[in-house]
Amino acid sequence: MKKINRVRKTQEFEKIIKLKNSWANKTFVVYATSKKYDECRIGISVSKKLGNAVVRNKIKRQIRMMINELSYFKGGDKDLIVIVRATYILQNYHKNKKDLEIAFKKVKIKK
């Protein structure tokens, strides 16, 4: 995922979350809003409760890979915030990827 496809500023995170257009399952909470730029942007948030910095960065890398494999950011019509829940650690990569795909479909993201 390129840097142009990432939400990085705190104000942007807060703005997207404040609109409260979200869907949640046991692994992820996904907030969405109509996109501001030409390309879809995605922000990932991992709580300190899930582990130290090494573990959190590993989780973020895995989620970026899932998003690349699902290819939602390429032609998507929304800006997204993905918040990871504690059950992420208890499941394997494929189950987490399936949960993320379901969450994206519920938020009605076009491919």
PDB file of N, CA and C in Angstrom:
ATOM      1  N   MET A   1       0.856  -1.171   0.000  1.00  0.00           N
ATOM      2  CA  MET A   1       0.000   0.000   0.000  1.00  0.00           C
ATOM      3  C   MET A   1       0.901   1.234   0.000  1.00  0.00           C
ATOM      4  N   LYS A   2       0.701   2.114  -0.934  1.00  0.00           N
ATOM      5  CA  LYS A   2       1.511   3.311  -1.049  1.00  0.00           C
ATOM      6  C   LYS A   2       1.143   4.316   0.039  1.00  0.00           C
ATOM      7  N   LYS A   3       2.047   5.251   0.310  1.00  0.00           N
ATOM      8  CA  LYS A   3       1.781   6.271   1.329  1.00  0.00           C
ATOM      9  C   LYS A   3       0.622   7.175   0.929  1.00  0.00           C
ATOM     10  N   ILE A   4       0.405   7.343  -0.353  1.00  0.00           N
ATOM     11  CA  ILE A   4      -0.711   8.164  -0.817  1.00  0.00           C
ATOM     12  C   ILE A   4      -2.059   7.532  -0.461  1.00  0.00           C
ATOM     13  N   ASN A   5      -2.054   6.229  -0.204  1.00  0.00           N
ATOM     14  CA  ASN A   5      -3.276   5.502   0.125  1.00  0.00           C
ATOM     15  C   ASN A   5      -3.482   5.347   1.629  1.00  0.00           C
ATOM     16  N   ARG A   6      -2.789   6.147   2.444  1.00  0.00           N
ATOM     17  CA  ARG A   6      -2.902   6.018   3.896  1.00  0.00           C
ATOM     18  C   ARG A   6      -3.452   7.292   4.520  1.00  0.00           C
ATOM     19  N   VAL A   7      -4.289   7.109   5.521  1.00  0.00           N
ATOM     20  CA  VAL A   7      -4.728   8.216   6.364  1.00  0.00           C
ATOM     21  C   VAL A   7      -3.726   8.257   7.506  1.00  0.00           C
ATOM     22  N   ARG A   8      -3.054   9.394   7.701  1.00  0.00           N
ATOM     23  CA  ARG A   8      -1.993   9.450   8.698  1.00  0.00           C
ATOM     24  C   ARG A   8      -2.219  10.496   9.783  1.00  0.00           C
ATOM     25  N   LYS A   9      -2.935  11.555   9.499  1.00  0.00           N
ATOM     26  CA  LYS A   9      -3.083  12.641  10.462  1.00  0.00           C
ATOM     27  C   LYS A   9      -4.204  12.356  11.456  1.00  0.00           C
ATOM     28  N   THR A  10      -3.983  12.757  12.694  1.00  0.00           N
ATOM     29  CA  THR A  10      -4.960  12.545  13.757  1.00  0.00           C
ATOM     30  C   THR A  10      -6.284  13.231  13.440  1.00  0.00           C
ATOM     31  N   GLN A  11      -6.218  14.420  12.872  1.00  0.00           N
ATOM     32  CA  GLN A  11      -7.445  15.153  12.534  1.00  0.00           C
ATOM     33  C   GLN A  11      -8.274  14.397  11.511  1.00  0.00           C
ATOM     34  N   GLU A  12      -7.629  13.748  10.559  1.00  0.00           N
ATOM     35  CA  GLU A  12      -8.352  12.981   9.550  1.00  0.00           C
ATOM     36  C   GLU A  12      -8.997  11.743  10.171  1.00  0.00           C
ATOM     37  N   PHE A  13      -8.283  11.080  11.083  1.00  0.00           N
ATOM     38  CA  PHE A  13      -8.856   9.936  11.794  1.00  0.00           C
ATOM     39  C   PHE A  13     -10.108  10.380  12.543  1.00  0.00           C
ATOM     40  N   GLU A  14      -9.996  11.463  13.305  1.00  0.00           N
ATOM     41  CA  GLU A  14     -11.119  11.946  14.109  1.00  0.00           C
ATOM     42  C   GLU A  14     -12.304  12.350  13.240  1.00  0.00           C
ATOM     43  N   LYS A  15     -12.033  12.978  12.108  1.00  0.00           N
ATOM     44  CA  LYS A  15     -13.100  13.413  11.209  1.00  0.00           C
ATOM     45  C   LYS A  15     -13.879  12.216  10.655  1.00  0.00           C
ATOM     46  N   ILE A  16     -13.178  11.184  10.247  1.00  0.00           N
ATOM     47  CA  ILE A  16     -13.836   9.995   9.693  1.00  0.00           C
ATOM     48  C   ILE A  16     -14.622   9.262  10.777  1.00  0.00           C
ATOM     49  N   ILE A  17     -14.052   9.151  11.967  1.00  0.00           N
ATOM     50  CA  ILE A  17     -14.728   8.444  13.056  1.00  0.00           C
ATOM     51  C   ILE A  17     -15.939   9.231  13.550  1.00  0.00           C
ATOM     52  N   LYS A  18     -15.853  10.546  13.541  1.00  0.00           N
ATOM     53  CA  LYS A  18     -16.950  11.383  14.024  1.00  0.00           C
ATOM     54  C   LYS A  18     -18.216  11.224  13.188  1.00  0.00           C
ATOM     55  N   LEU A  19     -18.090  10.888  11.916  1.00  0.00           N
ATOM     56  CA  LEU A  19     -19.260  10.727  11.040  1.00  0.00           C
ATOM     57  C   LEU A  19     -20.062   9.471  11.362  1.00  0.00           C
ATOM     58  N   LYS A  20     -19.454   8.530  12.097  1.00  0.00           N
ATOM     59  CA  LYS A  20     -20.139   7.347  12.633  1.00  0.00           C
ATOM     60  C   LYS A  20     -20.776   6.443  11.584  1.00  0.00           C
ATOM     61  N   ASN A  21     -20.218   6.410  10.396  1.00  0.00           N
ATOM     62  CA  ASN A  21     -20.658   5.440   9.396  1.00  0.00           C
ATOM     63  C   ASN A  21     -19.740   4.233   9.545  1.00  0.00           C
ATOM     64  N   SER A  22     -20.176   3.251  10.346  1.00  0.00           N
ATOM     65  CA  SER A  22     -19.279   2.151  10.667  1.00  0.00           C
ATOM     66  C   SER A  22     -19.993   0.811  10.646  1.00  0.00           C
ATOM     67  N   TRP A  23     -19.176  -0.229  10.669  1.00  0.00           N
ATOM     68  CA  TRP A  23     -19.663  -1.590  10.823  1.00  0.00           C
ATOM     69  C   TRP A  23     -18.608  -2.345  11.601  1.00  0.00           C
ATOM     70  N   ALA A  24     -19.045  -3.260  12.457  1.00  0.00           N
ATOM     71  CA  ALA A  24     -18.103  -3.981  13.302  1.00  0.00           C
ATOM     72  C   ALA A  24     -18.412  -5.470  13.301  1.00  0.00           C
ATOM     73  N   ASN A  25     -17.363  -6.263  13.466  1.00  0.00           N
ATOM     74  CA  ASN A  25     -17.507  -7.676  13.751  1.00  0.00           C
ATOM     75  C   ASN A  25     -16.575  -7.991  14.912  1.00  0.00           C
ATOM     76  N   LYS A  26     -16.339  -9.255  15.208  1.00  0.00           N
ATOM     77  CA  LYS A  26     -15.551  -9.587  16.396  1.00  0.00           C
ATOM     78  C   LYS A  26     -14.069  -9.248  16.260  1.00  0.00           C
ATOM     79  N   THR A  27     -13.609  -8.997  15.044  1.00  0.00           N
ATOM     80  CA  THR A  27     -12.191  -8.743  14.813  1.00  0.00           C
ATOM     81  C   THR A  27     -11.874  -7.299  14.438  1.00  0.00           C
ATOM     82  N   PHE A  28     -12.760  -6.641  13.697  1.00  0.00           N
ATOM     83  CA  PHE A  28     -12.489  -5.296  13.189  1.00  0.00           C
ATOM     84  C   PHE A  28     -13.677  -4.365  13.390  1.00  0.00           C
ATOM     85  N   VAL A  29     -13.362  -3.064  13.455  1.00  0.00           N
ATOM     86  CA  VAL A  29     -14.358  -2.012  13.328  1.00  0.00           C
ATOM     87  C   VAL A  29     -13.895  -1.184  12.136  1.00  0.00           C
ATOM     88  N   VAL A  30     -14.767  -0.969  11.166  1.00  0.00           N
ATOM     89  CA  VAL A  30     -14.407  -0.216   9.969  1.00  0.00           C
ATOM     90  C   VAL A  30     -15.297   1.020   9.884  1.00  0.00           C
ATOM     91  N   TYR A  31     -14.663   2.190   9.862  1.00  0.00           N
ATOM     92  CA  TYR A  31     -15.367   3.458   9.665  1.00  0.00           C
ATOM     93  C   TYR A  31     -15.128   3.903   8.229  1.00  0.00           C
ATOM     94  N   ALA A  32     -16.135   4.495   7.611  1.00  0.00           N
ATOM     95  CA  ALA A  32     -15.997   4.909   6.214  1.00  0.00           C
ATOM     96  C   ALA A  32     -16.644   6.265   5.983  1.00  0.00           C
ATOM     97  N   THR A  33     -16.117   6.985   5.017  1.00  0.00           N
ATOM     98  CA  THR A  33     -16.695   8.245   4.567  1.00  0.00           C
ATOM     99  C   THR A  33     -16.368   8.402   3.085  1.00  0.00           C
ATOM    100  N   SER A  34     -17.097   9.254   2.410  1.00  0.00           N
ATOM    101  CA  SER A  34     -16.803   9.459   0.990  1.00  0.00           C
ATOM    102  C   SER A  34     -15.408  10.055   0.866  1.00  0.00           C
ATOM    103  N   LYS A  35     -14.723   9.673  -0.180  1.00  0.00           N
ATOM    104  CA  LYS A  35     -13.315  10.043  -0.278  1.00  0.00           C
ATOM    105  C   LYS A  35     -13.124  11.499  -0.682  1.00  0.00           C
ATOM    106  N   LYS A  36     -12.033  12.034  -0.201  1.00  0.00           N
ATOM    107  CA  LYS A  36     -11.688  13.435  -0.443  1.00  0.00           C
ATOM    108  C   LYS A  36     -10.738  13.567  -1.636  1.00  0.00           C
ATOM    109  N   TYR A  37      -9.915  12.547  -1.867  1.00  0.00           N
ATOM    110  CA  TYR A  37      -8.914  12.573  -2.928  1.00  0.00           C
ATOM    111  C   TYR A  37      -9.292  11.597  -4.040  1.00  0.00           C
ATOM    112  N   ASP A  38      -8.460  11.522  -5.068  1.00  0.00           N
ATOM    113  CA  ASP A  38      -8.742  10.655  -6.201  1.00  0.00           C
ATOM    114  C   ASP A  38      -8.674   9.180  -5.843  1.00  0.00           C
ATOM    115  N   GLU A  39      -7.794   8.833  -4.924  1.00  0.00           N
ATOM    116  CA  GLU A  39      -7.622   7.435  -4.562  1.00  0.00           C
ATOM    117  C   GLU A  39      -8.180   7.163  -3.173  1.00  0.00           C
ATOM    118  N   CYS A  40      -8.614   5.944  -2.963  1.00  0.00           N
ATOM    119  CA  CYS A  40      -9.111   5.530  -1.659  1.00  0.00           C
ATOM    120  C   CYS A  40      -7.955   5.526  -0.661  1.00  0.00           C
ATOM    121  N   ARG A  41      -8.216   5.988   0.564  1.00  0.00           N
ATOM    122  CA  ARG A  41      -7.188   5.999   1.601  1.00  0.00           C
ATOM    123  C   ARG A  41      -7.662   5.173   2.790  1.00  0.00           C
ATOM    124  N   ILE A  42      -6.709   4.510   3.438  1.00  0.00           N
ATOM    125  CA  ILE A  42      -7.039   3.629   4.549  1.00  0.00           C
ATOM    126  C   ILE A  42      -6.104   3.925   5.713  1.00  0.00           C
ATOM    127  N   GLY A  43      -6.689   4.046   6.912  1.00  0.00           N
ATOM    128  CA  GLY A  43      -5.918   4.214   8.139  1.00  0.00           C
ATOM    129  C   GLY A  43      -6.122   3.002   9.023  1.00  0.00           C
ATOM    130  N   ILE A  44      -5.064   2.572   9.703  1.00  0.00           N
ATOM    131  CA  ILE A  44      -5.128   1.387  10.552  1.00  0.00           C
ATOM    132  C   ILE A  44      -4.778   1.790  11.974  1.00  0.00           C
ATOM    133  N   SER A  45      -5.602   1.360  12.918  1.00  0.00           N
ATOM    134  CA  SER A  45      -5.375   1.666  14.322  1.00  0.00           C
ATOM    135  C   SER A  45      -5.315   0.371  15.120  1.00  0.00           C
ATOM    136  N   VAL A  46      -4.215   0.201  15.877  1.00  0.00           N
ATOM    137  CA  VAL A  46      -4.027  -0.979  16.707  1.00  0.00           C
ATOM    138  C   VAL A  46      -3.754  -0.509  18.133  1.00  0.00           C
ATOM    139  N   SER A  47      -4.528  -0.995  19.077  1.00  0.00           N
ATOM    140  CA  SER A  47      -4.422  -0.584  20.463  1.00  0.00           C
ATOM    141  C   SER A  47      -3.169  -1.133  21.128  1.00  0.00           C
ATOM    142  N   LYS A  48      -2.675  -0.414  22.135  1.00  0.00           N
ATOM    143  CA  LYS A  48      -1.532  -0.890  22.916  1.00  0.00           C
ATOM    144  C   LYS A  48      -1.873  -2.136  23.719  1.00  0.00           C
ATOM    145  N   LYS A  49      -3.144  -2.401  23.904  1.00  0.00           N
ATOM    146  CA  LYS A  49      -3.573  -3.596  24.635  1.00  0.00           C
ATOM    147  C   LYS A  49      -3.221  -4.883  23.885  1.00  0.00           C
ATOM    148  N   LEU A  50      -2.993  -4.784  22.587  1.00  0.00           N
ATOM    149  CA  LEU A  50      -2.693  -5.974  21.786  1.00  0.00           C
ATOM    150  C   LEU A  50      -1.234  -6.402  21.870  1.00  0.00           C
ATOM    151  N   GLY A  51      -0.365  -5.531  22.364  1.00  0.00           N
ATOM    152  CA  GLY A  51       1.033  -5.917  22.494  1.00  0.00           C
ATOM    153  C   GLY A  51       1.957  -4.724  22.399  1.00  0.00           C
ATOM    154  N   ASN A  52       3.243  -5.026  22.418  1.00  0.00           N
ATOM    155  CA  ASN A  52       4.222  -3.949  22.317  1.00  0.00           C
ATOM    156  C   ASN A  52       4.326  -3.459  20.871  1.00  0.00           C
ATOM    157  N   ALA A  53       5.243  -2.536  20.629  1.00  0.00           N
ATOM    158  CA  ALA A  53       5.355  -1.909  19.313  1.00  0.00           C
ATOM    159  C   ALA A  53       5.659  -2.916  18.210  1.00  0.00           C
ATOM    160  N   VAL A  54       6.450  -3.918  18.508  1.00  0.00           N
ATOM    161  CA  VAL A  54       6.803  -4.926  17.506  1.00  0.00           C
ATOM    162  C   VAL A  54       5.555  -5.687  17.063  1.00  0.00           C
ATOM    163  N   VAL A  55       4.737  -6.093  18.022  1.00  0.00           N
ATOM    164  CA  VAL A  55       3.515  -6.839  17.720  1.00  0.00           C
ATOM    165  C   VAL A  55       2.530  -5.963  16.961  1.00  0.00           C
ATOM    166  N   ARG A  56       2.370  -4.713  17.394  1.00  0.00           N
ATOM    167  CA  ARG A  56       1.420  -3.812  16.723  1.00  0.00           C
ATOM    168  C   ARG A  56       1.848  -3.535  15.285  1.00  0.00           C
ATOM    169  N   ASN A  57       3.139  -3.344  15.060  1.00  0.00           N
ATOM    170  CA  ASN A  57       3.619  -3.107  13.696  1.00  0.00           C
ATOM    171  C   ASN A  57       3.439  -4.343  12.822  1.00  0.00           C
ATOM    172  N   LYS A  58       3.614  -5.529  13.394  1.00  0.00           N
ATOM    173  CA  LYS A  58       3.380  -6.767  12.641  1.00  0.00           C
ATOM    174  C   LYS A  58       1.917  -6.861  12.226  1.00  0.00           C
ATOM    175  N   ILE A  59       1.016  -6.525  13.139  1.00  0.00           N
ATOM    176  CA  ILE A  59      -0.416  -6.554  12.832  1.00  0.00           C
ATOM    177  C   ILE A  59      -0.737  -5.572  11.718  1.00  0.00           C
ATOM    178  N   LYS A  60      -0.175  -4.371  11.780  1.00  0.00           N
ATOM    179  CA  LYS A  60      -0.424  -3.369  10.731  1.00  0.00           C
ATOM    180  C   LYS A  60       0.104  -3.835   9.380  1.00  0.00           C
ATOM    181  N   ARG A  61       1.281  -4.460   9.363  1.00  0.00           N
ATOM    182  CA  ARG A  61       1.826  -4.989   8.107  1.00  0.00           C
ATOM    183  C   ARG A  61       0.918  -6.072   7.541  1.00  0.00           C
ATOM    184  N   GLN A  62       0.410  -6.942   8.419  1.00  0.00           N
ATOM    185  CA  GLN A  62      -0.482  -8.006   7.953  1.00  0.00           C
ATOM    186  C   GLN A  62      -1.768  -7.418   7.376  1.00  0.00           C
ATOM    187  N   ILE A  63      -2.311  -6.414   8.015  1.00  0.00           N
ATOM    188  CA  ILE A  63      -3.557  -5.809   7.525  1.00  0.00           C
ATOM    189  C   ILE A  63      -3.321  -5.106   6.193  1.00  0.00           C
ATOM    190  N   ARG A  64      -2.181  -4.429   6.053  1.00  0.00           N
ATOM    191  CA  ARG A  64      -1.869  -3.807   4.762  1.00  0.00           C
ATOM    192  C   ARG A  64      -1.768  -4.863   3.660  1.00  0.00           C
ATOM    193  N   MET A  65      -1.191  -6.009   3.984  1.00  0.00           N
ATOM    194  CA  MET A  65      -1.087  -7.096   3.007  1.00  0.00           C
ATOM    195  C   MET A  65      -2.469  -7.633   2.656  1.00  0.00           C
ATOM    196  N   MET A  66      -3.334  -7.774   3.655  1.00  0.00           N
ATOM    197  CA  MET A  66      -4.705  -8.229   3.389  1.00  0.00           C
ATOM    198  C   MET A  66      -5.417  -7.268   2.454  1.00  0.00           C
ATOM    199  N   ILE A  67      -5.259  -5.986   2.714  1.00  0.00           N
ATOM    200  CA  ILE A  67      -5.912  -4.969   1.887  1.00  0.00           C
ATOM    201  C   ILE A  67      -5.366  -5.014   0.468  1.00  0.00           C
ATOM    202  N   ASN A  68      -4.053  -5.208   0.318  1.00  0.00           N
ATOM    203  CA  ASN A  68      -3.469  -5.340  -1.017  1.00  0.00           C
ATOM    204  C   ASN A  68      -4.020  -6.558  -1.744  1.00  0.00           C
ATOM    205  N   GLU A  69      -4.143  -7.668  -1.029  1.00  0.00           N
ATOM    206  CA  GLU A  69      -4.671  -8.890  -1.645  1.00  0.00           C
ATOM    207  C   GLU A  69      -6.137  -8.738  -2.028  1.00  0.00           C
ATOM    208  N   LEU A  70      -6.894  -8.003  -1.205  1.00  0.00           N
ATOM    209  CA  LEU A  70      -8.302  -7.779  -1.508  1.00  0.00           C
ATOM    210  C   LEU A  70      -8.473  -6.665  -2.539  1.00  0.00           C
ATOM    211  N   SER A  71      -7.432  -5.857  -2.731  1.00  0.00           N
ATOM    212  CA  SER A  71      -7.366  -4.757  -3.703  1.00  0.00           C
ATOM    213  C   SER A  71      -8.545  -3.788  -3.604  1.00  0.00           C
ATOM    214  N   TYR A  72      -8.922  -3.414  -2.397  1.00  0.00           N
ATOM    215  CA  TYR A  72     -10.022  -2.478  -2.215  1.00  0.00           C
ATOM    216  C   TYR A  72      -9.601  -1.035  -2.407  1.00  0.00           C
ATOM    217  N   PHE A  73      -8.364  -0.700  -2.125  1.00  0.00           N
ATOM    218  CA  PHE A  73      -7.965   0.693  -2.188  1.00  0.00           C
ATOM    219  C   PHE A  73      -7.765   1.190  -3.609  1.00  0.00           C
ATOM    220  N   LYS A  74      -7.642   0.299  -4.577  1.00  0.00           N
ATOM    221  CA  LYS A  74      -7.320   0.704  -5.939  1.00  0.00           C
ATOM    222  C   LYS A  74      -8.467   1.448  -6.615  1.00  0.00           C
ATOM    223  N   GLY A  75      -9.678   0.966  -6.461  1.00  0.00           N
ATOM    224  CA  GLY A  75     -10.796   1.625  -7.120  1.00  0.00           C
ATOM    225  C   GLY A  75     -11.910   1.959  -6.156  1.00  0.00           C
ATOM    226  N   GLY A  76     -11.585   1.976  -4.880  1.00  0.00           N
ATOM    227  CA  GLY A  76     -12.604   2.192  -3.864  1.00  0.00           C
ATOM    228  C   GLY A  76     -13.196   3.584  -3.924  1.00  0.00           C
ATOM    229  N   ASP A  77     -14.359   3.725  -3.311  1.00  0.00           N
ATOM    230  CA  ASP A  77     -15.042   5.010  -3.341  1.00  0.00           C
ATOM    231  C   ASP A  77     -15.133   5.646  -1.961  1.00  0.00           C
ATOM    232  N   LYS A  78     -14.301   5.193  -0.994  1.00  0.00           N
ATOM    233  CA  LYS A  78     -14.387   5.710   0.358  1.00  0.00           C
ATOM    234  C   LYS A  78     -13.010   5.833   0.996  1.00  0.00           C
ATOM    235  N   ASP A  79     -12.937   6.689   2.042  1.00  0.00           N
ATOM    236  CA  ASP A  79     -11.789   6.709   2.941  1.00  0.00           C
ATOM    237  C   ASP A  79     -12.170   5.866   4.140  1.00  0.00           C
ATOM    238  N   LEU A  80     -11.232   5.051   4.634  1.00  0.00           N
ATOM    239  CA  LEU A  80     -11.545   4.074   5.670  1.00  0.00           C
ATOM    240  C   LEU A  80     -10.613   4.178   6.859  1.00  0.00           C
ATOM    241  N   ILE A  81     -11.139   3.820   8.027  1.00  0.00           N
ATOM    242  CA  ILE A  81     -10.348   3.609   9.223  1.00  0.00           C
ATOM    243  C   ILE A  81     -10.639   2.181   9.679  1.00  0.00           C
ATOM    244  N   VAL A  82      -9.600   1.387   9.859  1.00  0.00           N
ATOM    245  CA  VAL A  82      -9.746   0.018  10.330  1.00  0.00           C
ATOM    246  C   VAL A  82      -9.184  -0.044  11.747  1.00  0.00           C
ATOM    247  N   ILE A  83     -10.027  -0.389  12.704  1.00  0.00           N
ATOM    248  CA  ILE A  83      -9.605  -0.532  14.091  1.00  0.00           C
ATOM    249  C   ILE A  83      -9.592  -2.023  14.415  1.00  0.00           C
ATOM    250  N   VAL A  84      -8.471  -2.484  14.953  1.00  0.00           N
ATOM    251  CA  VAL A  84      -8.282  -3.905  15.226  1.00  0.00           C
ATOM    252  C   VAL A  84      -8.706  -4.207  16.659  1.00  0.00           C
ATOM    253  N   ARG A  85      -9.478  -5.275  16.824  1.00  0.00           N
ATOM    254  CA  ARG A  85      -9.917  -5.715  18.149  1.00  0.00           C
ATOM    255  C   ARG A  85      -9.019  -6.839  18.661  1.00  0.00           C
ATOM    256  N   ALA A  86      -9.163  -7.163  19.952  1.00  0.00           N
ATOM    257  CA  ALA A  86      -8.280  -8.129  20.616  1.00  0.00           C
ATOM    258  C   ALA A  86      -8.376  -9.544  20.052  1.00  0.00           C
ATOM    259  N   THR A  87      -9.496  -9.918  19.481  1.00  0.00           N
ATOM    260  CA  THR A  87      -9.636 -11.282  18.957  1.00  0.00           C
ATOM    261  C   THR A  87      -8.774 -11.526  17.713  1.00  0.00           C
ATOM    262  N   TYR A  88      -8.193 -10.474  17.153  1.00  0.00           N
ATOM    263  CA  TYR A  88      -7.307 -10.616  15.993  1.00  0.00           C
ATOM    264  C   TYR A  88      -6.159 -11.572  16.306  1.00  0.00           C
ATOM    265  N   ILE A  89      -5.593 -11.462  17.489  1.00  0.00           N
ATOM    266  CA  ILE A  89      -4.430 -12.263  17.865  1.00  0.00           C
ATOM    267  C   ILE A  89      -4.789 -13.743  18.008  1.00  0.00           C
ATOM    268  N   LEU A  90      -6.015 -14.034  18.359  1.00  0.00           N
ATOM    269  CA  LEU A  90      -6.435 -15.413  18.607  1.00  0.00           C
ATOM    270  C   LEU A  90      -6.721 -16.198  17.330  1.00  0.00           C
ATOM    271  N   GLN A  91      -6.856 -15.501  16.210  1.00  0.00           N
ATOM    272  CA  GLN A  91      -7.218 -16.161  14.949  1.00  0.00           C
ATOM    273  C   GLN A  91      -6.024 -16.200  14.004  1.00  0.00           C
ATOM    274  N   ASN A  92      -6.118 -17.050  12.982  1.00  0.00           N
ATOM    275  CA  ASN A  92      -5.049 -17.114  11.998  1.00  0.00           C
ATOM    276  C   ASN A  92      -5.261 -16.054  10.910  1.00  0.00           C
ATOM    277  N   TYR A  93      -4.269 -15.941  10.033  1.00  0.00           N
ATOM    278  CA  TYR A  93      -4.264 -14.904   8.992  1.00  0.00           C
ATOM    279  C   TYR A  93      -5.476 -15.021   8.069  1.00  0.00           C
ATOM    280  N   HIS A  94      -5.809 -16.225   7.642  1.00  0.00           N
ATOM    281  CA  HIS A  94      -6.891 -16.414   6.675  1.00  0.00           C
ATOM    282  C   HIS A  94      -8.254 -16.075   7.262  1.00  0.00           C
ATOM    283  N   LYS A  95      -8.473 -16.417   8.526  1.00  0.00           N
ATOM    284  CA  LYS A  95      -9.733 -16.076   9.185  1.00  0.00           C
ATOM    285  C   LYS A  95      -9.845 -14.563   9.354  1.00  0.00           C
ATOM    286  N   ASN A  96      -8.740 -13.911   9.726  1.00  0.00           N
ATOM    287  CA  ASN A  96      -8.746 -12.456   9.864  1.00  0.00           C
ATOM    288  C   ASN A  96      -8.997 -11.772   8.522  1.00  0.00           C
ATOM    289  N   LYS A  97      -8.412 -12.314   7.465  1.00  0.00           N
ATOM    290  CA  LYS A  97      -8.619 -11.756   6.131  1.00  0.00           C
ATOM    291  C   LYS A  97     -10.083 -11.876   5.716  1.00  0.00           C
ATOM    292  N   LYS A  98     -10.690 -13.008   6.021  1.00  0.00           N
ATOM    293  CA  LYS A  98     -12.102 -13.204   5.686  1.00  0.00           C
ATOM    294  C   LYS A  98     -12.980 -12.227   6.481  1.00  0.00           C
ATOM    295  N   ASP A  99     -12.669 -12.020   7.764  1.00  0.00           N
ATOM    296  CA  ASP A  99     -13.421 -11.058   8.579  1.00  0.00           C
ATOM    297  C   ASP A  99     -13.286  -9.637   8.037  1.00  0.00           C
ATOM    298  N   LEU A 100     -12.084  -9.279   7.577  1.00  0.00           N
ATOM    299  CA  LEU A 100     -11.872  -7.943   7.010  1.00  0.00           C
ATOM    300  C   LEU A 100     -12.665  -7.779   5.718  1.00  0.00           C
ATOM    301  N   GLU A 101     -12.682  -8.802   4.886  1.00  0.00           N
ATOM    302  CA  GLU A 101     -13.446  -8.748   3.638  1.00  0.00           C
ATOM    303  C   GLU A 101     -14.936  -8.585   3.918  1.00  0.00           C
ATOM    304  N   ILE A 102     -15.448  -9.298   4.905  1.00  0.00           N
ATOM    305  CA  ILE A 102     -16.857  -9.176   5.283  1.00  0.00           C
ATOM    306  C   ILE A 102     -17.153  -7.763   5.785  1.00  0.00           C
ATOM    307  N   ALA A 103     -16.251  -7.219   6.591  1.00  0.00           N
ATOM    308  CA  ALA A 103     -16.441  -5.855   7.110  1.00  0.00           C
ATOM    309  C   ALA A 103     -16.465  -4.843   5.969  1.00  0.00           C
ATOM    310  N   PHE A 104     -15.576  -5.001   4.998  1.00  0.00           N
ATOM    311  CA  PHE A 104     -15.565  -4.088   3.850  1.00  0.00           C
ATOM    312  C   PHE A 104     -16.853  -4.194   3.045  1.00  0.00           C
ATOM    313  N   LYS A 105     -17.363  -5.394   2.877  1.00  0.00           N
ATOM    314  CA  LYS A 105     -18.622  -5.557   2.127  1.00  0.00           C
ATOM    315  C   LYS A 105     -19.790  -4.916   2.868  1.00  0.00           C
ATOM    316  N   LYS A 106     -19.786  -5.004   4.186  1.00  0.00           N
ATOM    317  CA  LYS A 106     -20.883  -4.420   4.978  1.00  0.00           C
ATOM    318  C   LYS A 106     -20.868  -2.901   4.917  1.00  0.00           C
ATOM    319  N   VAL A 107     -19.689  -2.310   4.769  1.00  0.00           N
ATOM    320  CA  VAL A 107     -19.589  -0.851   4.665  1.00  0.00           C
ATOM    321  C   VAL A 107     -19.890  -0.416   3.230  1.00  0.00           C
ATOM    322  N   LYS A 108     -20.110  -1.387   2.350  1.00  0.00           N
ATOM    323  CA  LYS A 108     -20.480  -1.139   0.936  1.00  0.00           C
ATOM    324  C   LYS A 108     -19.384  -0.399   0.188  1.00  0.00           C
ATOM    325  N   ILE A 109     -18.234  -1.031   0.133  1.00  0.00           N
ATOM    326  CA  ILE A 109     -17.109  -0.496  -0.629  1.00  0.00           C
ATOM    327  C   ILE A 109     -17.122  -1.146  -1.989  1.00  0.00           C
ATOM    328  N   LYS A 110     -17.055  -0.337  -3.019  1.00  0.00           N
ATOM    329  CA  LYS A 110     -17.009  -0.873  -4.373  1.00  0.00           C
ATOM    330  C   LYS A 110     -15.576  -1.253  -4.695  1.00  0.00           C
ATOM    331  N   LYS A 111     -15.411  -2.336  -5.444  1.00  0.00           N
ATOM    332  CA  LYS A 111     -14.076  -2.730  -5.905  1.00  0.00           C
ATOM    333  C   LYS A 111     -13.702  -1.944  -7.120  1.00  0.00           C
TER     334      LYS A 111
END
